[in-house]
Amino acid sequence: MCPSSTQPATELLLSPRQKEWLKRFGVYLLLERGFSKHTVEAYRRDIKRFLAGLAAGTTKDLSTVTEEDIFEYVVSERQRGLKARSVRRSLAAVRTFFRFLIIDGEVESNPARLLETPKIGQKLPSVLEIHEIERLFRAVEEMPGRYPLRDRAILYVLYGSGLRVSELTSLTLNDVRWDLGIIRCMGKGSKERMAPLNQLGLQNLKSYLEAERPNLVKHTGSKTIFLSRAGKPLGREVVNTILKRNVERAGLTGNITPHTLRHSFATHLLQNGADLRIVQELLGHAKVETTEIYTHIEKSQLKELHKKFHPRG
């Protein structure tokens, strides 16, 4: 039987029981583990492929799955062109799935627990220099788009507070504490944190809320801060398009995304003497090791400066 055009091939290979596991697994990740909806969907897709691979092979019963079976799955993920980071996530999904099955009483052990996670090379994130940030802001001010105050506020908030784009697009009117100059946002794993916003960011945000947002919100009654012309919350793709448009106008090159502004926020803080632990808190990183990558950026820049200016560089 051929897969229907509306139903993925992986779905057709799953039994009703496996589909029920997938459904309960999603609830477990969301409610008990506190994963974001984006991560839950990614894990569920990974487990769908894993279960479909088992169904297509000789191993049907999850209680008989071995470490070798999972290793073969990881190899197949790599062979189908996934990058190392995605393969790592696939393996993490399988490990978490078996933990869930143990809790649920479906299996007794986790065959993925000792499997080595594929290593990935540490890639330094792209960062804008301070003069490039200034060029970007000049572009959004001197060559405004259809909603200049909104677009300007978006860029100022992203760079001024280090928010992720998903955090920015979910901001509501109640999330801004004007008296304290801070923004309340929901980070990864639905963890709440407070992000300070500088005066320029607050001023631009206030201008947008007072002069432009009332025309966008119309009769929707939305509490979301950043809205489209239809009065709906902006998607991350729209925010990326707004940034790309202004990057072009500023004459900047490279793959500059909203996350580049977050990287730049952290790097510029460290360059100006901010404590690493403080930057960790501002970014909402669970581990300081994640924040330490920005110290590597500084070191790489120091090497470039040394090479450029030292007489024997």
C-alpha atoms as a PDB file:
ATOM      1  CA  MET A   1       0.000   0.000   0.000  1.00  0.00           C
ATOM      2  CA  CYS A   2       1.357   3.391  -0.964  1.00  0.00           C
ATOM      3  CA  PRO A   3       1.412   6.244   1.564  1.00  0.00           C
ATOM      4  CA  SER A   4      -1.382   8.751   1.034  1.00  0.00           C
ATOM      5  CA  SER A   5      -0.444  12.288   0.055  1.00  0.00           C
ATOM      6  CA  THR A   6      -1.724  13.620   3.381  1.00  0.00           C
ATOM      7  CA  GLN A   7      -0.154  11.031   5.677  1.00  0.00           C
ATOM      8  CA  PRO A   8       3.652  10.679   6.068  1.00  0.00           C
ATOM      9  CA  ALA A   9       5.140   7.254   5.379  1.00  0.00           C
ATOM     10  CA  THR A  10       6.434   7.071   8.963  1.00  0.00           C
ATOM     11  CA  GLU A  11       2.856   7.386  10.282  1.00  0.00           C
ATOM     12  CA  LEU A  12       1.699   4.389   8.261  1.00  0.00           C
ATOM     13  CA  LEU A  13       4.382   2.163   9.805  1.00  0.00           C
ATOM     14  CA  LEU A  14       3.344   2.911  13.383  1.00  0.00           C
ATOM     15  CA  SER A  15       0.897   0.756  15.304  1.00  0.00           C
ATOM     16  CA  PRO A  16      -1.974   2.332  17.257  1.00  0.00           C
ATOM     17  CA  ARG A  17      -0.071   1.525  20.457  1.00  0.00           C
ATOM     18  CA  GLN A  18       3.051   3.327  19.211  1.00  0.00           C
ATOM     19  CA  LYS A  19       0.977   6.343  18.203  1.00  0.00           C
ATOM     20  CA  GLU A  20      -0.434   6.416  21.722  1.00  0.00           C
ATOM     21  CA  TRP A  21       3.107   6.282  23.139  1.00  0.00           C
ATOM     22  CA  LEU A  22       4.073   9.233  20.943  1.00  0.00           C
ATOM     23  CA  LYS A  23       1.096  11.220  22.163  1.00  0.00           C
ATOM     24  CA  ARG A  24       1.867  10.519  25.840  1.00  0.00           C
ATOM     25  CA  PHE A  25       5.576  11.169  25.234  1.00  0.00           C
ATOM     26  CA  GLY A  26       4.727  14.660  23.951  1.00  0.00           C
ATOM     27  CA  VAL A  27       2.653  15.385  27.082  1.00  0.00           C
ATOM     28  CA  TYR A  28       5.517  14.080  29.275  1.00  0.00           C
ATOM     29  CA  LEU A  29       8.060  16.360  27.577  1.00  0.00           C
ATOM     30  CA  LEU A  30       5.797  19.399  27.753  1.00  0.00           C
ATOM     31  CA  LEU A  31       4.373  19.080  31.266  1.00  0.00           C
ATOM     32  CA  GLU A  32       6.891  17.039  33.247  1.00  0.00           C
ATOM     33  CA  ARG A  33      10.168  17.999  31.578  1.00  0.00           C
ATOM     34  CA  GLY A  34       9.185  21.580  30.763  1.00  0.00           C
ATOM     35  CA  PHE A  35      10.438  21.418  27.152  1.00  0.00           C
ATOM     36  CA  SER A  36       9.370  24.084  24.677  1.00  0.00           C
ATOM     37  CA  LYS A  37       6.756  23.211  22.040  1.00  0.00           C
ATOM     38  CA  HIS A  38       9.456  23.507  19.364  1.00  0.00           C
ATOM     39  CA  THR A  39      11.662  20.930  21.141  1.00  0.00           C
ATOM     40  CA  VAL A  40       8.721  18.625  21.800  1.00  0.00           C
ATOM     41  CA  GLU A  41       7.827  18.572  18.103  1.00  0.00           C
ATOM     42  CA  ALA A  42      11.462  17.914  17.140  1.00  0.00           C
ATOM     43  CA  TYR A  43      11.733  15.007  19.624  1.00  0.00           C
ATOM     44  CA  ARG A  44       8.438  13.522  18.445  1.00  0.00           C
ATOM     45  CA  ARG A  45       9.605  13.646  14.811  1.00  0.00           C
ATOM     46  CA  ASP A  46      12.840  11.904  15.808  1.00  0.00           C
ATOM     47  CA  ILE A  47      10.979   9.158  17.670  1.00  0.00           C
ATOM     48  CA  LYS A  48       8.557   8.690  14.765  1.00  0.00           C
ATOM     49  CA  ARG A  49      11.512   7.930  12.490  1.00  0.00           C
ATOM     50  CA  PHE A  50      13.071   5.673  15.125  1.00  0.00           C
ATOM     51  CA  LEU A  51       9.883   3.638  15.592  1.00  0.00           C
ATOM     52  CA  ALA A  52       9.242   3.494  11.842  1.00  0.00           C
ATOM     53  CA  GLY A  53      12.787   2.172  11.340  1.00  0.00           C
ATOM     54  CA  LEU A  54      12.176  -0.565  13.906  1.00  0.00           C
ATOM     55  CA  ALA A  55       8.849  -1.469  12.267  1.00  0.00           C
ATOM     56  CA  ALA A  56      10.520  -1.712   8.868  1.00  0.00           C
ATOM     57  CA  GLY A  57      13.249  -3.997  10.250  1.00  0.00           C
ATOM     58  CA  THR A  58      13.206  -7.140  12.321  1.00  0.00           C
ATOM     59  CA  THR A  59      12.922  -5.565  15.794  1.00  0.00           C
ATOM     60  CA  LYS A  60       9.290  -4.929  16.673  1.00  0.00           C
ATOM     61  CA  ASP A  61       9.196  -5.083  20.483  1.00  0.00           C
ATOM     62  CA  LEU A  62      10.797  -2.132  22.301  1.00  0.00           C
ATOM     63  CA  SER A  63      11.757  -4.379  25.211  1.00  0.00           C
ATOM     64  CA  THR A  64      14.145  -6.218  22.868  1.00  0.00           C
ATOM     65  CA  VAL A  65      15.803  -3.090  21.410  1.00  0.00           C
ATOM     66  CA  THR A  66      19.560  -3.206  21.907  1.00  0.00           C
ATOM     67  CA  GLU A  67      22.336  -0.634  21.978  1.00  0.00           C
ATOM     68  CA  GLU A  68      23.320  -1.874  18.510  1.00  0.00           C
ATOM     69  CA  ASP A  69      19.831  -1.119  17.157  1.00  0.00           C
ATOM     70  CA  ILE A  70      20.099   2.447  18.385  1.00  0.00           C
ATOM     71  CA  PHE A  71      23.620   2.792  17.033  1.00  0.00           C
ATOM     72  CA  GLU A  72      22.349   1.711  13.605  1.00  0.00           C
ATOM     73  CA  TYR A  73      19.590   4.319  13.877  1.00  0.00           C
ATOM     74  CA  VAL A  74      22.164   7.027  14.658  1.00  0.00           C
ATOM     75  CA  VAL A  75      24.248   5.923  11.654  1.00  0.00           C
ATOM     76  CA  SER A  76      21.182   6.023   9.391  1.00  0.00           C
ATOM     77  CA  GLU A  77      20.399   9.552  10.624  1.00  0.00           C
ATOM     78  CA  ARG A  78      23.898  10.632   9.650  1.00  0.00           C
ATOM     79  CA  GLN A  79      23.655   8.869   6.294  1.00  0.00           C
ATOM     80  CA  ARG A  80      20.498  10.721   5.372  1.00  0.00           C
ATOM     81  CA  GLY A  81      22.429  13.978   5.558  1.00  0.00           C
ATOM     82  CA  LEU A  82      21.714  15.262   9.053  1.00  0.00           C
ATOM     83  CA  LYS A  83      24.355  17.455  10.642  1.00  0.00           C
ATOM     84  CA  ALA A  84      26.093  16.291  13.811  1.00  0.00           C
ATOM     85  CA  ARG A  85      24.028  18.628  15.986  1.00  0.00           C
ATOM     86  CA  SER A  86      20.768  17.139  14.665  1.00  0.00           C
ATOM     87  CA  VAL A  87      22.091  13.596  15.145  1.00  0.00           C
ATOM     88  CA  ARG A  88      22.944  14.466  18.762  1.00  0.00           C
ATOM     89  CA  ARG A  89      19.380  15.664  19.254  1.00  0.00           C
ATOM     90  CA  SER A  90      17.993  12.463  17.691  1.00  0.00           C
ATOM     91  CA  LEU A  91      20.009  10.351  20.120  1.00  0.00           C
ATOM     92  CA  ALA A  92      18.927  12.563  23.040  1.00  0.00           C
ATOM     93  CA  ALA A  93      15.312  12.053  21.944  1.00  0.00           C
ATOM     94  CA  VAL A  94      15.731   8.260  21.955  1.00  0.00           C
ATOM     95  CA  ARG A  95      17.380   8.317  25.399  1.00  0.00           C
ATOM     96  CA  THR A  96      14.565  10.467  26.777  1.00  0.00           C
ATOM     97  CA  PHE A  97      11.933   8.272  25.104  1.00  0.00           C
ATOM     98  CA  PHE A  98      13.261   5.147  26.836  1.00  0.00           C
ATOM     99  CA  ARG A  99      13.362   7.006  30.178  1.00  0.00           C
ATOM    100  CA  PHE A 100       9.693   7.810  29.611  1.00  0.00           C
ATOM    101  CA  LEU A 101       8.934   4.164  28.756  1.00  0.00           C
ATOM    102  CA  ILE A 102      10.651   3.009  31.970  1.00  0.00           C
ATOM    103  CA  ILE A 103       8.529   5.427  34.027  1.00  0.00           C
ATOM    104  CA  ASP A 104       5.460   4.216  32.121  1.00  0.00           C
ATOM    105  CA  GLY A 105       6.326   0.601  32.888  1.00  0.00           C
ATOM    106  CA  GLU A 106       6.703  -0.397  29.224  1.00  0.00           C
ATOM    107  CA  VAL A 107      10.403  -1.366  29.396  1.00  0.00           C
ATOM    108  CA  GLU A 108      12.854  -2.173  32.204  1.00  0.00           C
ATOM    109  CA  SER A 109      16.080  -0.607  30.953  1.00  0.00           C
ATOM    110  CA  ASN A 110      17.406   2.142  28.678  1.00  0.00           C
ATOM    111  CA  PRO A 111      19.566   0.659  25.876  1.00  0.00           C
ATOM    112  CA  ALA A 112      20.693   4.161  24.827  1.00  0.00           C
ATOM    113  CA  ARG A 113      22.108   5.207  28.182  1.00  0.00           C
ATOM    114  CA  LEU A 114      25.726   4.188  27.489  1.00  0.00           C
ATOM    115  CA  LEU A 115      25.843   5.056  23.800  1.00  0.00           C
ATOM    116  CA  GLU A 116      28.435   7.767  23.119  1.00  0.00           C
ATOM    117  CA  THR A 117      27.027  11.057  21.855  1.00  0.00           C
ATOM    118  CA  PRO A 118      28.519  12.162  18.500  1.00  0.00           C
ATOM    119  CA  LYS A 119      30.945  15.016  19.020  1.00  0.00           C
ATOM    120  CA  ILE A 120      30.613  18.295  17.159  1.00  0.00           C
ATOM    121  CA  GLY A 121      33.212  20.938  16.605  1.00  0.00           C
ATOM    122  CA  GLN A 122      32.680  24.164  18.503  1.00  0.00           C
ATOM    123  CA  LYS A 123      31.708  26.830  16.018  1.00  0.00           C
ATOM    124  CA  LEU A 124      32.034  30.403  17.196  1.00  0.00           C
ATOM    125  CA  PRO A 125      28.833  32.394  16.651  1.00  0.00           C
ATOM    126  CA  SER A 126      28.893  35.372  14.323  1.00  0.00           C
ATOM    127  CA  VAL A 127      29.084  38.737  16.058  1.00  0.00           C
ATOM    128  CA  LEU A 128      28.720  42.294  14.799  1.00  0.00           C
ATOM    129  CA  GLU A 129      31.291  44.902  15.738  1.00  0.00           C
ATOM    130  CA  ILE A 130      29.961  47.925  17.628  1.00  0.00           C
ATOM    131  CA  HIS A 131      30.389  50.153  14.559  1.00  0.00           C
ATOM    132  CA  GLU A 132      28.348  47.642  12.535  1.00  0.00           C
ATOM    133  CA  ILE A 133      25.558  47.764  15.133  1.00  0.00           C
ATOM    134  CA  GLU A 134      25.601  51.562  14.776  1.00  0.00           C
ATOM    135  CA  ARG A 135      25.330  51.239  10.977  1.00  0.00           C
ATOM    136  CA  LEU A 136      22.356  48.896  11.381  1.00  0.00           C
ATOM    137  CA  PHE A 137      20.522  51.347  13.635  1.00  0.00           C
ATOM    138  CA  ARG A 138      21.281  54.246  11.303  1.00  0.00           C
ATOM    139  CA  ALA A 139      19.786  52.243   8.436  1.00  0.00           C
ATOM    140  CA  VAL A 140      16.533  51.518  10.266  1.00  0.00           C
ATOM    141  CA  GLU A 141      16.248  55.201  11.247  1.00  0.00           C
ATOM    142  CA  GLU A 142      17.253  56.806   7.933  1.00  0.00           C
ATOM    143  CA  MET A 143      15.556  54.343   5.550  1.00  0.00           C
ATOM    144  CA  PRO A 144      12.343  53.366   7.355  1.00  0.00           C
ATOM    145  CA  GLY A 145       9.955  50.691   6.144  1.00  0.00           C
ATOM    146  CA  ARG A 146       6.170  50.584   6.286  1.00  0.00           C
ATOM    147  CA  TYR A 147       6.142  50.355  10.093  1.00  0.00           C
ATOM    148  CA  PRO A 148       9.303  52.242  11.075  1.00  0.00           C
ATOM    149  CA  LEU A 149       8.628  52.499  14.814  1.00  0.00           C
ATOM    150  CA  ARG A 150       7.863  48.791  15.143  1.00  0.00           C
ATOM    151  CA  ASP A 151      10.920  47.732  13.143  1.00  0.00           C
ATOM    152  CA  ARG A 152      13.183  50.084  15.095  1.00  0.00           C
ATOM    153  CA  ALA A 153      11.803  48.860  18.427  1.00  0.00           C
ATOM    154  CA  ILE A 154      12.360  45.227  17.409  1.00  0.00           C
ATOM    155  CA  LEU A 155      16.044  45.767  16.664  1.00  0.00           C
ATOM    156  CA  TYR A 156      16.637  47.886  19.761  1.00  0.00           C
ATOM    157  CA  VAL A 157      14.966  45.312  22.017  1.00  0.00           C
ATOM    158  CA  LEU A 158      16.841  42.369  20.465  1.00  0.00           C
ATOM    159  CA  TYR A 159      20.235  44.014  20.846  1.00  0.00           C
ATOM    160  CA  GLY A 160      19.445  45.949  24.032  1.00  0.00           C
ATOM    161  CA  SER A 161      18.233  42.940  26.031  1.00  0.00           C
ATOM    162  CA  GLY A 162      19.736  39.892  24.299  1.00  0.00           C
ATOM    163  CA  LEU A 163      16.345  38.211  23.828  1.00  0.00           C
ATOM    164  CA  ARG A 164      15.888  35.181  21.612  1.00  0.00           C
ATOM    165  CA  VAL A 165      13.543  35.858  18.695  1.00  0.00           C
ATOM    166  CA  SER A 166      10.970  33.447  20.167  1.00  0.00           C
ATOM    167  CA  GLU A 167      11.066  35.416  23.428  1.00  0.00           C
ATOM    168  CA  LEU A 168      10.626  38.697  21.550  1.00  0.00           C
ATOM    169  CA  THR A 169       7.605  37.545  19.530  1.00  0.00           C
ATOM    170  CA  SER A 170       5.811  36.233  22.643  1.00  0.00           C
ATOM    171  CA  LEU A 171       6.191  39.454  24.681  1.00  0.00           C
ATOM    172  CA  THR A 172       2.941  40.930  25.970  1.00  0.00           C
ATOM    173  CA  LEU A 173       2.071  44.377  27.309  1.00  0.00           C
ATOM    174  CA  ASN A 174       2.192  43.032  30.871  1.00  0.00           C
ATOM    175  CA  ASP A 175       5.793  41.856  30.416  1.00  0.00           C
ATOM    176  CA  VAL A 176       7.333  45.349  30.457  1.00  0.00           C
ATOM    177  CA  ARG A 177       8.132  46.959  33.811  1.00  0.00           C
ATOM    178  CA  TRP A 178       8.680  50.572  32.805  1.00  0.00           C
ATOM    179  CA  ASP A 179       9.476  51.667  36.350  1.00  0.00           C
ATOM    180  CA  LEU A 180      12.320  49.142  36.655  1.00  0.00           C
ATOM    181  CA  GLY A 181      13.426  49.104  33.011  1.00  0.00           C
ATOM    182  CA  ILE A 182      13.106  45.334  32.693  1.00  0.00           C
ATOM    183  CA  ILE A 183      11.282  42.826  30.496  1.00  0.00           C
ATOM    184  CA  ARG A 184       9.849  39.547  31.745  1.00  0.00           C
ATOM    185  CA  CYS A 185      10.277  36.775  29.202  1.00  0.00           C
ATOM    186  CA  MET A 186       9.837  33.035  28.935  1.00  0.00           C
ATOM    187  CA  GLY A 187      13.038  31.322  27.843  1.00  0.00           C
ATOM    188  CA  LYS A 188      13.905  27.771  26.885  1.00  0.00           C
ATOM    189  CA  GLY A 189      12.136  25.121  28.907  1.00  0.00           C
ATOM    190  CA  SER A 190       9.470  27.683  29.870  1.00  0.00           C
ATOM    191  CA  LYS A 191      11.872  29.272  32.363  1.00  0.00           C
ATOM    192  CA  GLU A 192      10.984  32.823  33.295  1.00  0.00           C
ATOM    193  CA  ARG A 193      13.678  35.472  33.598  1.00  0.00           C
ATOM    194  CA  MET A 194      14.005  39.236  33.825  1.00  0.00           C
ATOM    195  CA  ALA A 195      15.973  40.999  31.082  1.00  0.00           C
ATOM    196  CA  PRO A 196      17.025  44.631  31.613  1.00  0.00           C
ATOM    197  CA  LEU A 197      16.464  46.977  28.673  1.00  0.00           C
ATOM    198  CA  ASN A 198      18.501  50.145  28.171  1.00  0.00           C
ATOM    199  CA  GLN A 199      17.006  53.624  27.826  1.00  0.00           C
ATOM    200  CA  LEU A 200      17.228  53.671  24.027  1.00  0.00           C
ATOM    201  CA  GLY A 201      15.367  50.381  23.886  1.00  0.00           C
ATOM    202  CA  LEU A 202      12.679  51.592  26.266  1.00  0.00           C
ATOM    203  CA  GLN A 203      12.259  54.882  24.364  1.00  0.00           C
ATOM    204  CA  ASN A 204      11.879  53.149  21.000  1.00  0.00           C
ATOM    205  CA  LEU A 205       9.496  50.570  22.449  1.00  0.00           C
ATOM    206  CA  LYS A 206       7.361  53.308  24.019  1.00  0.00           C
ATOM    207  CA  SER A 207       7.229  55.271  20.736  1.00  0.00           C
ATOM    208  CA  TYR A 208       5.980  52.199  18.883  1.00  0.00           C
ATOM    209  CA  LEU A 209       3.382  51.334  21.536  1.00  0.00           C
ATOM    210  CA  GLU A 210       1.987  54.864  21.601  1.00  0.00           C
ATOM    211  CA  ALA A 211       2.082  55.869  17.932  1.00  0.00           C
ATOM    212  CA  GLU A 212       1.967  52.739  15.763  1.00  0.00           C
ATOM    213  CA  ARG A 213       0.640  49.725  17.657  1.00  0.00           C
ATOM    214  CA  PRO A 214      -2.890  51.157  18.186  1.00  0.00           C
ATOM    215  CA  ASN A 215      -3.368  51.115  14.379  1.00  0.00           C
ATOM    216  CA  LEU A 216      -2.107  47.538  14.173  1.00  0.00           C
ATOM    217  CA  VAL A 217      -4.052  46.019  17.059  1.00  0.00           C
ATOM    218  CA  LYS A 218      -7.396  47.179  15.554  1.00  0.00           C
ATOM    219  CA  HIS A 219     -10.213  45.173  17.116  1.00  0.00           C
ATOM    220  CA  THR A 220      -8.287  41.994  17.898  1.00  0.00           C
ATOM    221  CA  GLY A 221      -7.727  42.873  21.546  1.00  0.00           C
ATOM    222  CA  SER A 222      -4.307  41.194  21.360  1.00  0.00           C
ATOM    223  CA  LYS A 223      -1.929  41.754  24.284  1.00  0.00           C
ATOM    224  CA  THR A 224       1.095  40.720  22.215  1.00  0.00           C
ATOM    225  CA  ILE A 225       3.475  43.655  21.746  1.00  0.00           C
ATOM    226  CA  PHE A 226       4.780  43.134  18.224  1.00  0.00           C
ATOM    227  CA  LEU A 227       2.005  42.775  15.664  1.00  0.00           C
ATOM    228  CA  SER A 228       1.607  42.380  11.914  1.00  0.00           C
ATOM    229  CA  ARG A 229      -0.509  44.702   9.786  1.00  0.00           C
ATOM    230  CA  ALA A 230      -3.405  42.246  10.336  1.00  0.00           C
ATOM    231  CA  GLY A 231      -3.069  42.671  14.093  1.00  0.00           C
ATOM    232  CA  LYS A 232      -1.642  39.179  14.628  1.00  0.00           C
ATOM    233  CA  PRO A 233       1.546  38.324  16.564  1.00  0.00           C
ATOM    234  CA  LEU A 234       4.644  38.510  14.377  1.00  0.00           C
ATOM    235  CA  GLY A 235       6.289  35.210  13.461  1.00  0.00           C
ATOM    236  CA  ARG A 236      10.030  34.685  13.773  1.00  0.00           C
ATOM    237  CA  GLU A 237      10.284  34.608   9.963  1.00  0.00           C
ATOM    238  CA  VAL A 238       8.876  38.140   9.733  1.00  0.00           C
ATOM    239  CA  VAL A 239      11.340  39.391  12.356  1.00  0.00           C
ATOM    240  CA  ASN A 240      14.158  37.793  10.370  1.00  0.00           C
ATOM    241  CA  THR A 241      12.909  39.503   7.176  1.00  0.00           C
ATOM    242  CA  ILE A 242      12.808  42.890   8.922  1.00  0.00           C
ATOM    243  CA  LEU A 243      16.391  42.410  10.093  1.00  0.00           C
ATOM    244  CA  LYS A 244      17.621  41.207   6.675  1.00  0.00           C
ATOM    245  CA  ARG A 245      16.066  44.236   4.980  1.00  0.00           C
ATOM    246  CA  ASN A 246      17.903  46.613   7.285  1.00  0.00           C
ATOM    247  CA  VAL A 247      21.132  44.627   7.084  1.00  0.00           C
ATOM    248  CA  GLU A 248      21.038  45.160   3.313  1.00  0.00           C
ATOM    249  CA  ARG A 249      20.338  48.864   3.714  1.00  0.00           C
ATOM    250  CA  ALA A 250      23.266  49.137   6.132  1.00  0.00           C
ATOM    251  CA  GLY A 251      25.581  47.466   3.624  1.00  0.00           C
ATOM    252  CA  LEU A 252      26.522  44.678   6.037  1.00  0.00           C
ATOM    253  CA  THR A 253      27.539  41.241   4.790  1.00  0.00           C
ATOM    254  CA  GLY A 254      27.368  37.705   6.122  1.00  0.00           C
ATOM    255  CA  ASN A 255      24.570  35.583   7.531  1.00  0.00           C
ATOM    256  CA  ILE A 256      23.154  38.020  10.092  1.00  0.00           C
ATOM    257  CA  THR A 257      20.125  36.710  11.993  1.00  0.00           C
ATOM    258  CA  PRO A 258      18.226  37.849  15.104  1.00  0.00           C
ATOM    259  CA  HIS A 259      20.469  35.489  17.084  1.00  0.00           C
ATOM    260  CA  THR A 260      23.482  37.467  15.821  1.00  0.00           C
ATOM    261  CA  LEU A 261      22.170  40.440  17.799  1.00  0.00           C
ATOM    262  CA  ARG A 262      21.944  38.223  20.899  1.00  0.00           C
ATOM    263  CA  HIS A 263      25.535  37.051  20.343  1.00  0.00           C
ATOM    264  CA  SER A 264      26.645  40.656  19.855  1.00  0.00           C
ATOM    265  CA  PHE A 265      24.845  41.740  23.044  1.00  0.00           C
ATOM    266  CA  ALA A 266      26.739  39.142  25.116  1.00  0.00           C
ATOM    267  CA  THR A 267      30.118  39.735  23.471  1.00  0.00           C
ATOM    268  CA  HIS A 268      29.964  43.516  23.843  1.00  0.00           C
ATOM    269  CA  LEU A 269      29.059  43.165  27.531  1.00  0.00           C
ATOM    270  CA  LEU A 270      32.108  40.964  28.152  1.00  0.00           C
ATOM    271  CA  GLN A 271      34.348  43.272  26.134  1.00  0.00           C
ATOM    272  CA  ASN A 272      33.308  46.106  28.429  1.00  0.00           C
ATOM    273  CA  GLY A 273      34.117  44.209  31.601  1.00  0.00           C
ATOM    274  CA  ALA A 274      30.850  42.456  32.526  1.00  0.00           C
ATOM    275  CA  ASP A 275      31.181  39.401  34.770  1.00  0.00           C
ATOM    276  CA  LEU A 276      30.630  36.060  33.001  1.00  0.00           C
ATOM    277  CA  ARG A 277      28.048  34.922  35.592  1.00  0.00           C
ATOM    278  CA  ILE A 278      26.045  38.118  35.116  1.00  0.00           C
ATOM    279  CA  VAL A 279      25.997  37.599  31.338  1.00  0.00           C
ATOM    280  CA  GLN A 280      24.897  33.996  31.952  1.00  0.00           C
ATOM    281  CA  GLU A 281      21.916  35.274  33.957  1.00  0.00           C
ATOM    282  CA  LEU A 282      21.054  37.898  31.351  1.00  0.00           C
ATOM    283  CA  LEU A 283      21.052  35.306  28.558  1.00  0.00           C
ATOM    284  CA  GLY A 284      19.137  32.723  30.587  1.00  0.00           C
ATOM    285  CA  HIS A 285      21.774  30.015  30.129  1.00  0.00           C
ATOM    286  CA  ALA A 286      21.371  27.044  32.471  1.00  0.00           C
ATOM    287  CA  LYS A 287      25.123  26.340  32.386  1.00  0.00           C
ATOM    288  CA  VAL A 288      27.973  28.832  32.491  1.00  0.00           C
ATOM    289  CA  GLU A 289      29.823  26.641  29.959  1.00  0.00           C
ATOM    290  CA  THR A 290      27.320  27.764  27.328  1.00  0.00           C
ATOM    291  CA  THR A 291      28.133  31.407  28.062  1.00  0.00           C
ATOM    292  CA  GLU A 292      31.880  30.769  27.978  1.00  0.00           C
ATOM    293  CA  ILE A 293      31.778  30.519  24.196  1.00  0.00           C
ATOM    294  CA  TYR A 294      31.684  34.325  24.145  1.00  0.00           C
ATOM    295  CA  THR A 295      35.038  34.453  25.926  1.00  0.00           C
ATOM    296  CA  HIS A 296      36.399  32.367  23.026  1.00  0.00           C
ATOM    297  CA  ILE A 297      35.121  35.020  20.630  1.00  0.00           C
ATOM    298  CA  GLU A 298      37.041  37.657  22.541  1.00  0.00           C
ATOM    299  CA  LYS A 299      40.207  35.545  22.419  1.00  0.00           C
ATOM    300  CA  SER A 300      39.845  35.008  18.675  1.00  0.00           C
ATOM    301  CA  GLN A 301      39.470  38.755  18.194  1.00  0.00           C
ATOM    302  CA  LEU A 302      42.542  39.403  20.325  1.00  0.00           C
ATOM    303  CA  LYS A 303      44.536  37.039  18.111  1.00  0.00           C
ATOM    304  CA  GLU A 304      43.406  38.920  15.019  1.00  0.00           C
ATOM    305  CA  LEU A 305      44.383  42.257  16.570  1.00  0.00           C
ATOM    306  CA  HIS A 306      47.753  40.876  17.599  1.00  0.00           C
ATOM    307  CA  LYS A 307      48.375  39.552  14.108  1.00  0.00           C
ATOM    308  CA  LYS A 308      47.342  42.870  12.572  1.00  0.00           C
ATOM    309  CA  PHE A 309      49.245  45.281  14.795  1.00  0.00           C
ATOM    310  CA  HIS A 310      52.236  43.452  16.267  1.00  0.00           C
ATOM    311  CA  PRO A 311      55.426  44.136  14.269  1.00  0.00           C
ATOM    312  CA  ARG A 312      56.156  40.409  14.125  1.00  0.00           C
ATOM    313  CA  GLY A 313      52.532  39.277  14.035  1.00  0.00           C
END
